[in-house]
Protein backbone atom coordinates (compact mmCIF):
# COMPACT_ATOMS: atom_id res chain seq x y z
CA MET A 1 13.46 -5.65 -16.23
CA ASN A 2 16.28 -4.89 -13.81
CA LYS A 3 17.56 -8.49 -13.33
CA LYS A 4 18.52 -11.40 -15.55
CA LEU A 5 17.03 -13.89 -13.09
CA LEU A 6 14.12 -13.48 -10.69
CA SER A 7 13.91 -15.18 -7.32
CA LEU A 8 11.16 -17.51 -6.16
CA SER A 9 10.01 -14.80 -3.74
CA GLU A 10 9.85 -12.10 -6.42
CA VAL A 11 7.84 -14.20 -8.85
CA ALA A 12 5.47 -15.30 -6.10
CA ASP A 13 4.84 -11.65 -5.20
CA MET A 14 4.34 -10.64 -8.83
CA LEU A 15 1.75 -13.37 -9.39
CA SER A 16 0.13 -13.18 -5.93
CA VAL A 17 0.68 -16.88 -5.34
CA SER A 18 2.56 -18.74 -2.62
CA LYS A 19 6.08 -20.02 -3.01
CA GLU A 20 4.71 -23.52 -2.54
CA THR A 21 2.42 -22.99 -5.54
CA LEU A 22 5.43 -22.08 -7.67
CA ARG A 23 7.24 -25.20 -6.50
CA ARG A 24 4.22 -27.29 -7.53
CA TRP A 25 4.19 -25.62 -10.93
CA ASP A 26 7.86 -26.50 -11.31
CA THR A 27 7.16 -30.14 -10.49
CA SER A 28 4.20 -30.33 -12.87
CA GLY A 29 6.06 -28.60 -15.69
CA LYS A 30 3.75 -25.57 -15.86
CA LEU A 31 6.67 -23.25 -15.11
CA ASN A 32 10.38 -23.88 -15.55
CA SER A 33 12.95 -22.77 -13.02
CA VAL A 34 16.73 -22.78 -12.99
CA ARG A 35 19.04 -23.15 -10.03
CA HIS A 36 21.18 -20.32 -8.71
CA PRO A 37 24.83 -21.19 -9.47
CA VAL A 38 25.97 -20.41 -5.91
CA ASN A 39 23.20 -21.27 -3.44
CA GLY A 40 21.07 -23.63 -5.57
CA TYR A 41 17.84 -21.64 -4.97
CA ARG A 42 15.08 -21.68 -7.59
CA MET A 43 15.35 -18.76 -10.02
CA TYR A 44 13.35 -17.80 -13.10
CA LYS A 45 14.29 -16.44 -16.48
CA PRO A 46 12.09 -13.47 -17.45
CA ASN A 47 11.27 -15.03 -20.83
CA ASP A 48 9.76 -18.06 -19.06
CA LEU A 49 7.23 -15.72 -17.40
CA LYS A 50 5.67 -14.61 -20.70
CA ILE A 51 2.98 -17.26 -20.23
CA PHE A 52 1.42 -15.02 -17.54
CA GLU A 53 -0.69 -12.32 -19.13
CA GLN A 54 -0.57 -10.09 -16.04
CA LEU A 55 3.21 -9.80 -16.38
CA GLY A 56 3.05 -8.67 -19.98
CA PHE A 57 4.14 -5.15 -19.04
CA LEU A 58 7.61 -6.53 -18.25
CA PHE A 59 8.19 -7.31 -21.89
CA ASP A 60 6.58 -4.51 -23.90
CA SER A 61 8.87 -1.96 -25.48
CA LYS A 62 6.96 1.09 -24.27
CA PRO A 63 8.82 3.31 -21.78
CA ASP A 64 7.39 3.90 -18.32
CA VAL A 65 4.54 6.42 -18.33
CA LYS A 66 5.65 10.04 -18.09
CA LYS A 67 4.10 12.36 -15.53
CA VAL A 68 1.13 14.43 -16.64
CA LYS A 69 0.47 18.00 -15.61
CA ALA A 70 -2.93 19.11 -14.30
CA LYS A 71 -4.75 21.45 -16.71
CA ARG A 72 -6.21 23.37 -13.79
CA LYS A 73 -6.15 23.27 -10.00
CA TYR A 74 -7.91 20.08 -8.92
CA ARG A 75 -9.20 20.13 -5.35
CA THR A 76 -9.61 17.15 -3.05
CA ILE A 77 -11.08 16.18 0.31
CA GLU A 78 -9.49 13.28 2.14
CA LEU A 79 -11.01 11.29 4.99
CA PHE A 80 -9.08 8.98 7.37
CA ALA A 81 -5.93 10.83 6.30
CA GLY A 82 -3.51 9.24 8.78
CA ALA A 83 0.07 10.49 8.51
CA GLY A 84 -0.49 11.85 5.00
CA GLY A 85 0.91 9.19 2.66
CA LEU A 86 -2.04 9.38 0.27
CA ALA A 87 -2.41 13.17 0.55
CA LEU A 88 1.29 13.75 -0.07
CA GLY A 89 1.29 11.45 -3.08
CA LEU A 90 -1.75 13.21 -4.55
CA GLU A 91 -0.06 16.56 -3.91
CA LYS A 92 3.03 15.37 -5.81
CA ALA A 93 0.71 14.44 -8.70
CA GLY A 94 -0.69 17.98 -8.76
CA LEU A 95 -3.83 17.73 -6.64
CA SER A 96 -4.61 20.26 -3.91
CA CYS A 97 -6.24 19.14 -0.65
CA VAL A 98 -8.78 21.56 0.84
CA LEU A 99 -9.77 19.43 3.84
CA LEU A 100 -8.25 16.42 5.60
CA ASN A 101 -9.99 14.58 8.41
CA GLU A 102 -8.32 12.28 10.91
CA ILE A 103 -9.32 11.20 14.41
CA ASP A 104 -5.86 10.30 15.74
CA LYS A 105 -4.36 13.35 17.45
CA ASN A 106 -0.74 12.39 16.74
CA ALA A 107 -1.43 11.83 13.04
CA CYS A 108 -3.18 15.22 12.92
CA GLN A 109 -0.11 16.83 14.47
CA THR A 110 2.05 15.10 11.87
CA LEU A 111 -0.08 16.61 9.10
CA ARG A 112 0.02 20.10 10.66
CA VAL A 113 3.78 20.07 11.27
CA ASN A 114 4.57 19.10 7.69
CA ARG A 115 1.87 21.12 5.93
CA PRO A 116 0.85 24.11 8.10
CA LYS A 117 -1.42 25.40 5.33
CA TRP A 118 -3.46 22.20 5.07
CA ASN A 119 -6.95 22.40 6.57
CA VAL A 120 -6.70 19.51 9.05
CA VAL A 121 -9.98 18.77 10.83
CA GLU A 122 -9.33 16.59 13.86
CA GLY A 123 -12.05 14.38 15.31
CA ASP A 124 -15.01 12.16 14.51
CA VAL A 125 -15.84 12.24 10.79
CA SER A 126 -19.57 11.86 11.56
CA LYS A 127 -19.52 15.37 13.10
CA ILE A 128 -18.32 17.10 9.93
CA ASP A 129 -20.71 18.97 7.65
CA PHE A 130 -19.39 18.69 4.08
CA THR A 131 -22.16 20.71 2.43
CA PRO A 132 -20.09 23.96 2.31
CA TYR A 133 -17.89 22.15 -0.22
CA ALA A 134 -20.77 21.12 -2.49
CA GLY A 135 -19.65 21.51 -6.10
CA GLU A 136 -16.30 22.88 -4.92
CA VAL A 137 -14.13 19.74 -4.93
CA ASP A 138 -13.10 17.48 -7.78
CA VAL A 139 -12.13 14.40 -5.79
CA VAL A 140 -13.06 12.77 -2.47
CA THR A 141 -10.69 10.11 -1.18
CA GLY A 142 -10.65 7.93 1.89
CA GLY A 143 -9.04 4.84 3.36
CA PHE A 144 -12.08 3.79 5.38
CA PRO A 145 -11.71 0.76 7.70
CA CYS A 146 -13.35 -2.43 6.48
CA GLN A 147 -16.65 -3.11 8.25
CA ALA A 148 -19.41 -5.59 7.47
CA PHE A 149 -22.86 -4.40 6.46
CA SER A 150 -26.23 -5.82 7.37
CA TYR A 151 -27.85 -7.15 4.20
CA ALA A 152 -31.61 -6.91 3.94
CA GLY A 153 -31.81 -7.43 0.18
CA LYS A 154 -29.79 -8.11 -2.93
CA LYS A 155 -28.54 -4.54 -3.23
CA LEU A 156 -27.34 -2.26 -0.49
CA GLY A 157 -28.65 1.29 -0.29
CA PHE A 158 -26.96 4.38 1.12
CA GLU A 159 -28.98 4.35 4.36
CA ASP A 160 -28.27 0.64 4.89
CA ALA A 161 -24.62 1.50 5.56
CA ARG A 162 -25.41 3.92 8.38
CA GLY A 163 -23.19 3.36 11.40
CA THR A 164 -20.14 2.33 9.37
CA LEU A 165 -17.19 4.52 8.37
CA PHE A 166 -17.87 3.74 4.73
CA TYR A 167 -21.23 5.47 5.26
CA GLU A 168 -19.36 8.63 6.29
CA PHE A 169 -17.18 8.35 3.19
CA ALA A 170 -20.32 7.97 1.06
CA ARG A 171 -22.00 10.86 2.90
CA ALA A 172 -19.07 13.14 2.08
CA ILE A 173 -19.49 12.16 -1.57
CA LYS A 174 -23.24 12.76 -1.46
CA GLU A 175 -22.85 16.18 0.17
CA THR A 176 -20.04 17.44 -2.11
CA ASN A 177 -20.84 15.73 -5.45
CA PRO A 178 -17.20 15.40 -6.61
CA LEU A 179 -16.23 14.37 -10.11
CA ILE A 180 -14.31 11.32 -8.88
CA ALA A 181 -14.43 9.30 -5.67
CA VAL A 182 -11.52 7.09 -4.62
CA GLY A 183 -11.61 4.59 -1.77
CA GLU A 184 -8.57 2.56 -0.72
CA ASN A 185 -8.36 -0.45 1.53
CA VAL A 186 -6.61 -3.74 2.22
CA ARG A 187 -6.68 -6.51 -0.37
CA GLY A 188 -8.86 -8.60 1.94
CA LEU A 189 -11.84 -6.32 1.35
CA LEU A 190 -12.36 -8.09 -2.00
CA THR A 191 -13.24 -11.34 -0.23
CA HIS A 192 -14.70 -9.86 2.96
CA GLU A 193 -18.09 -11.46 3.65
CA ASN A 194 -17.62 -13.50 0.45
CA GLY A 195 -17.44 -10.35 -1.63
CA LYS A 196 -20.70 -8.90 -0.31
CA THR A 197 -19.04 -5.96 1.42
CA VAL A 198 -17.33 -4.57 -1.68
CA ALA A 199 -20.47 -5.32 -3.72
CA GLY A 200 -22.49 -3.29 -1.22
CA MET A 201 -20.05 -0.40 -1.43
CA THR A 202 -20.28 -0.48 -5.22
CA SER A 203 -24.09 -0.41 -5.17
CA ILE A 204 -24.09 2.56 -2.80
CA LEU A 205 -21.73 4.55 -5.01
CA GLU A 206 -23.90 3.72 -8.02
CA GLU A 207 -26.97 4.91 -6.15
CA LEU A 208 -25.17 8.20 -5.48
CA GLY A 209 -24.61 8.67 -9.22
CA TYR A 210 -21.20 7.11 -9.83
CA ARG A 211 -19.98 4.61 -12.39
CA VAL A 212 -17.68 2.29 -10.45
CA ILE A 213 -14.55 1.00 -12.15
CA PRO A 214 -13.93 -2.68 -11.28
CA PRO A 215 -11.91 -2.52 -8.04
CA GLN A 216 -8.25 -3.27 -8.52
CA VAL A 217 -5.43 -4.38 -6.24
CA LEU A 218 -2.21 -2.51 -6.96
CA LYS A 219 1.15 -3.95 -5.95
CA ALA A 220 3.38 -1.23 -4.55
CA ILE A 221 6.51 -2.94 -5.94
CA PHE A 222 5.39 -1.94 -9.44
CA TYR A 223 5.15 1.77 -8.54
CA ASN A 224 8.61 2.74 -7.28
CA VAL A 225 8.00 1.42 -3.76
CA PRO A 226 10.62 -0.98 -2.34
CA GLN A 227 8.00 -2.94 -0.41
CA LYS A 228 5.76 -5.95 -1.05
CA ARG A 229 2.59 -4.10 -0.15
CA GLU A 230 -0.83 -4.32 -1.82
CA ARG A 231 -3.70 -1.86 -1.65
CA LEU A 232 -7.20 -2.14 -3.09
CA PHE A 233 -8.59 0.91 -4.91
CA ILE A 234 -12.25 1.54 -5.67
CA VAL A 235 -12.83 4.38 -8.14
CA GLY A 236 -16.18 5.97 -8.99
CA ILE A 237 -16.65 8.41 -11.89
CA ARG A 238 -19.70 10.68 -11.87
CA LYS A 239 -22.15 9.27 -14.40
CA ASP A 240 -22.72 12.58 -16.19
CA LEU A 241 -19.04 12.78 -17.17
CA ASN A 242 -17.73 11.35 -20.42
CA ILE A 243 -14.24 10.50 -19.22
CA ASN A 244 -12.20 7.31 -18.93
CA PHE A 245 -10.20 6.30 -15.89
CA GLU A 246 -7.29 3.91 -16.25
CA PHE A 247 -5.34 2.54 -13.33
CA PRO A 248 -1.63 3.43 -13.51
CA SER A 249 0.57 1.21 -15.64
CA PRO A 250 3.19 -0.77 -13.71
CA ASN A 251 6.86 0.13 -13.96
CA LYS A 252 9.29 -2.51 -15.20
CA LYS A 253 11.93 -1.88 -12.54
CA ILE A 254 11.40 -3.35 -9.08
CA LEU A 255 13.22 -1.55 -6.28
CA THR A 256 14.85 -3.25 -3.31
CA LEU A 257 15.55 -2.49 0.32
CA LYS A 258 18.97 -1.21 -0.75
CA ASP A 259 17.20 1.39 -2.92
CA ALA A 260 15.20 2.47 0.13
CA LEU A 261 17.99 2.80 2.67
CA LYS A 262 21.06 3.62 0.58
CA LYS A 263 21.90 6.51 -1.74
CA GLY A 264 20.59 5.74 -5.21
CA VAL A 265 17.56 6.06 -7.45
CA LEU A 266 15.10 6.95 -4.66
CA TYR A 267 17.17 9.10 -2.32
CA ASP A 268 20.26 11.30 -2.68
CA ILE A 269 21.81 10.17 0.62
CA ASP A 270 21.85 7.13 2.87
CA VAL A 271 18.99 6.95 5.35
CA PRO A 272 19.45 9.43 8.24
CA THR A 273 19.93 8.06 11.73
CA SER A 274 16.85 8.11 13.96
CA SER A 275 15.27 6.49 16.98
CA GLY A 276 13.97 2.94 16.85
CA GLN A 277 12.90 -0.01 18.92
CA LYS A 278 15.42 -2.51 20.28
CA TYR A 279 15.22 -6.26 20.77
CA PRO A 280 15.37 -7.75 24.26
CA LYS A 281 18.69 -9.51 24.88
CA ASP A 282 17.26 -13.04 24.50
CA LYS A 283 15.59 -12.20 21.21
CA ALA A 284 18.71 -10.47 19.88
CA ILE A 285 20.70 -13.66 20.51
CA VAL A 286 18.21 -15.61 18.36
CA MET A 287 18.00 -13.01 15.60
CA ASP A 288 21.81 -12.89 15.37
CA MET A 289 21.66 -16.43 13.98
CA VAL A 290 19.28 -15.58 11.11
CA PRO A 291 20.97 -14.81 7.75
CA PRO A 292 19.79 -12.00 5.43
CA GLY A 293 16.55 -13.09 3.77
CA GLY A 294 16.16 -15.91 6.28
CA TYR A 295 13.63 -16.77 8.97
CA TRP A 296 13.07 -19.23 11.83
CA ARG A 297 13.73 -22.34 9.72
CA ASP A 298 17.31 -21.13 9.29
CA LEU A 299 17.91 -21.44 13.04
CA PRO A 300 19.46 -24.56 14.64
CA LEU A 301 16.72 -27.11 15.40
CA PRO A 302 16.87 -26.73 19.21
CA VAL A 303 16.60 -22.93 18.84
CA GLN A 304 13.66 -23.32 16.42
CA LYS A 305 11.74 -25.36 18.98
CA SER A 306 12.58 -23.00 21.83
CA TYR A 307 11.69 -19.84 19.88
CA MET A 308 8.57 -21.13 18.13
CA LYS A 309 7.19 -23.05 21.12
CA ASN A 310 3.84 -24.68 20.20
CA SER A 311 3.85 -23.05 16.76
CA PHE A 312 6.74 -25.32 15.79
CA PHE A 313 4.38 -28.32 15.72
CA LEU A 314 1.44 -26.62 13.95
CA GLY A 315 2.81 -26.74 10.41
CA GLY A 316 2.69 -23.96 7.84
CA GLY A 317 5.40 -21.56 6.76
CA LYS A 318 5.06 -18.75 9.34
CA THR A 319 7.72 -16.98 7.31
CA GLY A 320 7.26 -13.72 9.21
CA MET A 321 8.67 -15.19 12.41
CA ALA A 322 12.35 -14.46 13.17
CA ARG A 323 12.50 -12.87 9.71
CA ARG A 324 15.50 -10.85 8.59
CA MET A 325 15.16 -8.73 5.47
CA SER A 326 17.51 -8.88 2.49
CA TRP A 327 19.19 -5.94 0.76
CA ASP A 328 18.44 -7.44 -2.66
CA GLU A 329 14.64 -7.78 -2.35
CA PRO A 330 11.84 -5.35 -1.54
CA SER A 331 10.88 -5.26 2.12
CA LEU A 332 7.95 -7.31 3.30
CA THR A 333 4.83 -5.26 4.05
CA LEU A 334 5.45 -3.04 7.05
CA THR A 335 3.14 -3.47 10.02
CA CYS A 336 2.18 -1.04 12.79
CA ALA A 337 4.98 -2.37 15.01
CA PRO A 338 8.39 -3.49 13.70
CA ALA A 339 9.12 -6.22 16.26
CA GLN A 340 5.95 -8.29 16.47
CA LYS A 341 6.87 -11.96 16.67
CA GLN A 342 4.49 -13.02 13.87
CA THR A 343 5.62 -10.29 11.47
CA GLU A 344 9.31 -9.71 12.17
CA ARG A 345 11.09 -7.05 10.14
CA CYS A 346 14.77 -7.24 11.12
CA HIS A 347 17.44 -5.06 9.50
CA PRO A 348 19.46 -7.05 6.90
CA GLU A 349 22.82 -6.51 8.63
CA GLU A 350 22.27 -5.14 12.13
CA THR A 351 20.30 -7.18 14.64
CA ARG A 352 17.50 -4.70 15.34
CA PRO A 353 14.12 -3.63 13.97
CA PHE A 354 13.98 -0.87 11.38
CA THR A 355 14.22 2.66 12.76
CA VAL A 356 11.50 5.27 12.23
CA ARG A 357 13.30 6.87 9.29
CA GLU A 358 13.98 3.47 7.72
CA TYR A 359 10.29 2.66 8.09
CA ALA A 360 9.42 5.97 6.45
CA ARG A 361 11.77 5.39 3.52
CA ILE A 362 10.33 1.94 2.85
CA GLN A 363 6.97 3.74 2.59
CA THR A 364 8.68 6.35 0.30
CA PHE A 365 8.11 9.32 2.60
CA PRO A 366 10.68 12.11 2.12
CA ASP A 367 13.32 12.45 4.82
CA ASP A 368 11.97 15.83 5.92
CA TRP A 369 8.48 14.42 6.66
CA ALA A 370 8.39 14.50 10.48
CA PHE A 371 6.18 12.24 12.59
CA ALA A 372 4.60 13.39 15.86
CA GLY A 373 3.88 11.43 19.02
CA SER A 374 5.55 8.56 20.82
CA LEU A 375 7.85 6.07 19.09
CA SER A 376 5.08 3.46 18.94
CA SER A 377 2.66 6.04 17.51
CA GLN A 378 5.16 7.00 14.80
CA TYR A 379 5.61 3.38 13.77
CA LYS A 380 1.82 2.94 13.70
CA GLN A 381 1.30 6.05 11.55
CA ILE A 382 3.92 4.97 9.03
CA GLY A 383 2.82 1.33 8.98
CA ASN A 384 -0.79 2.32 8.26
CA ALA A 385 0.06 4.76 5.46
CA VAL A 386 -0.41 4.41 1.74
CA PRO A 387 3.11 4.44 0.22
CA VAL A 388 3.70 7.93 -1.12
CA ASN A 389 4.92 6.81 -4.55
CA LEU A 390 1.94 4.48 -5.00
CA ALA A 391 -0.36 7.37 -4.05
CA GLU A 392 1.39 9.58 -6.60
CA ALA A 393 0.77 6.97 -9.30
CA ILE A 394 -2.94 6.93 -8.42
CA GLY A 395 -2.89 10.74 -8.39
CA GLN A 396 -1.43 10.78 -11.88
CA ALA A 397 -4.23 8.49 -13.07
CA ILE A 398 -6.79 10.85 -11.49
CA VAL A 399 -5.21 13.89 -13.15
CA SER A 400 -5.15 12.10 -16.53
CA ALA A 401 -8.87 11.40 -16.20
CA LEU A 402 -9.78 14.94 -15.11
CA ASN A 403 -7.67 16.46 -17.89
CA GLN A 404 -10.12 14.90 -20.39
CA LEU A 405 -12.74 17.46 -19.38
CA THR A 406 -12.84 20.48 -21.68
CA LYS A 407 -14.38 22.65 -18.96
CA LYS A 408 -15.17 22.33 -15.26
CA PRO A 409 -18.61 20.71 -14.80
CA THR A 410 -21.16 22.19 -12.42
């Protein structure tokens, strides 16, 4: 653990509960808090968190997991590759990508500029024939968009998903027969259509011959990413393989925005200067009043009402509005645009949104990873990406599983 006391925000993120829930637990006696000696905010002693089984990794004496080395060259195909966050992380883990598909032309250019040797196939995934790679790839990955299925029965078959992008992901698996299939998505997929969507995806992968590991949401803050981001991973292991897959173990140290933008454990230099969006004059005047870590409720009451308009009277936290980040906490989840009113991401000291390179660092891209296209396109590519360090952790788990094979299966 890297701190003696944990903030209300940190504990809420670790447990995937709201701050209000923690306050209720304090009142009921379920969880004890202490007050910060300077500002009086609720804080938590790590030992008081031992009652939560999911935080047990914070207290075991085992060191963080060391990197494993691939026993042979493992080959992957990636669909919906975006700006390359997942592909780059898998590459860092020792996996080699033989084909990447992406429909966005700017994202494709980003991939080509940074990795000229990658086989980037631009365009509609439904037009790609994957059969030439049958038996030639070890892993198929894809961050397919979440789409509802039409349910005719209790279980969903492969053909029932036709017309969705998950169908194309499943088709690539069917045509190539990889050893492992990995899908990633937003946390909300778990509850989409009351869980029917992810259940349908699982049944399709099982029909195609894969044993599906119970889907798991991984918190990026536990995998060397200074950002409160969550991604859902669905992993299928080919049923003829006698191997175990284990999701990566969390790290004990949680990184902050300072780790992202300043010289330190993640980067050897401070974040390079780069282009970025600016606030309109009126908005800048409002944001100037917000302290680090604060949001609209920290504004003077007349300014709150003027800025929030009708939202002021609707109740709820709306903590993303007029939100300024803090150096001492991980960043909130980045969005596709850094200055949206509902999901504000203001620099902790300067009154402006994060720049492109700051965005990239919060997603743990290296400084030499260039992004193509307009400024808004670059923000969108970075905001949609899987954090590179989280992807590397998943890649290490994949390599550990594949290393269990004594010889390459047919």
